[in-house]
């Protein structure tokens, strides 16, 4: 998984999210998956965020470009 410019394991992502929630109780998280990657990775990060106590969680998306 990539967080910012850092590559992290799922356990490291969860630890980072837990620390962020402890510092900022209302911490929001936006998950942005790569369109070429397995959707399961997105689901894994969402589950890690929930385990970390993150309640403000959303998914980012990029709309498809309209055909000419």
Protein backbone atom coordinates (compact mmCIF):
# COMPACT_ATOMS: atom_id res chain seq x y z
CA UNK A 1 0.00 0.00 0.00
CA UNK A 2 1.18 3.53 -0.64
CA UNK A 3 0.51 6.30 1.86
CA UNK A 4 1.72 9.61 0.50
CA UNK A 5 5.12 8.68 -0.92
CA UNK A 6 5.69 5.78 1.51
CA UNK A 7 5.07 2.10 0.83
CA UNK A 8 3.56 0.45 3.92
CA UNK A 9 2.20 -2.94 4.88
CA UNK A 10 -1.45 -3.19 5.86
CA UNK A 11 -0.41 -3.52 9.52
CA UNK A 12 1.65 -0.32 9.23
CA UNK A 13 -1.29 1.48 7.64
CA UNK A 14 -3.52 0.41 10.52
CA UNK A 15 -0.94 1.53 13.09
CA UNK A 16 -0.64 4.93 11.37
CA UNK A 17 -4.41 5.32 11.27
CA UNK A 18 -4.72 4.45 14.95
CA UNK A 19 -2.06 7.03 15.84
CA UNK A 20 -3.78 9.67 13.69
CA UNK A 21 -7.14 8.99 15.36
CA UNK A 22 -5.55 9.23 18.81
CA UNK A 23 -4.04 12.64 17.93
CA UNK A 24 -7.10 13.88 16.06
CA UNK A 25 -10.30 12.07 17.21
CA UNK A 26 -12.34 13.32 14.23
CA UNK A 27 -9.68 12.30 11.72
CA UNK A 28 -11.12 11.79 8.23
CA UNK A 29 -9.64 9.26 5.81
CA UNK A 30 -10.04 9.23 2.05
CA UNK A 31 -9.15 5.96 0.32
CA UNK A 32 -8.07 6.21 -3.29
CA UNK A 33 -7.45 2.95 -5.12
CA UNK A 34 -5.52 2.49 -8.33
CA UNK A 35 -7.89 1.52 -11.14
CA UNK A 36 -5.49 -1.23 -12.19
CA UNK A 37 -5.12 -2.73 -8.70
CA UNK A 38 -7.29 -5.35 -7.03
CA UNK A 39 -10.38 -3.91 -5.34
CA UNK A 40 -9.61 -6.18 -2.38
CA UNK A 41 -6.77 -3.81 -1.46
CA UNK A 42 -9.27 -0.96 -1.12
CA UNK A 43 -11.50 -3.14 1.05
CA UNK A 44 -8.52 -4.17 3.21
CA UNK A 45 -7.60 -0.53 3.86
CA UNK A 46 -11.21 0.32 4.68
CA UNK A 47 -11.33 -2.56 7.17
CA UNK A 48 -8.04 -1.38 8.72
CA UNK A 49 -9.47 2.12 9.09
CA UNK A 50 -12.53 0.75 10.87
CA UNK A 51 -10.35 -1.35 13.21
CA UNK A 52 -8.32 1.79 13.92
CA UNK A 53 -11.51 3.53 15.03
CA UNK A 54 -11.82 5.84 12.03
CA UNK A 55 -15.48 6.74 11.56
CA UNK A 56 -15.17 9.45 8.89
CA UNK A 57 -14.19 7.32 5.89
CA UNK A 58 -14.81 7.99 2.22
CA UNK A 59 -13.72 6.77 -1.20
CA UNK A 60 -12.19 9.00 -3.83
CA UNK A 61 -12.97 8.49 -7.48
CA UNK A 62 -12.11 9.97 -10.82
CA UNK A 63 -15.05 10.15 -13.26
CA UNK A 64 -14.56 8.60 -16.67
CA UNK A 65 -13.85 11.08 -19.43
CA UNK A 66 -16.73 11.50 -21.85
CA UNK A 67 -16.19 10.06 -25.32
CA UNK A 68 -16.05 12.62 -28.15
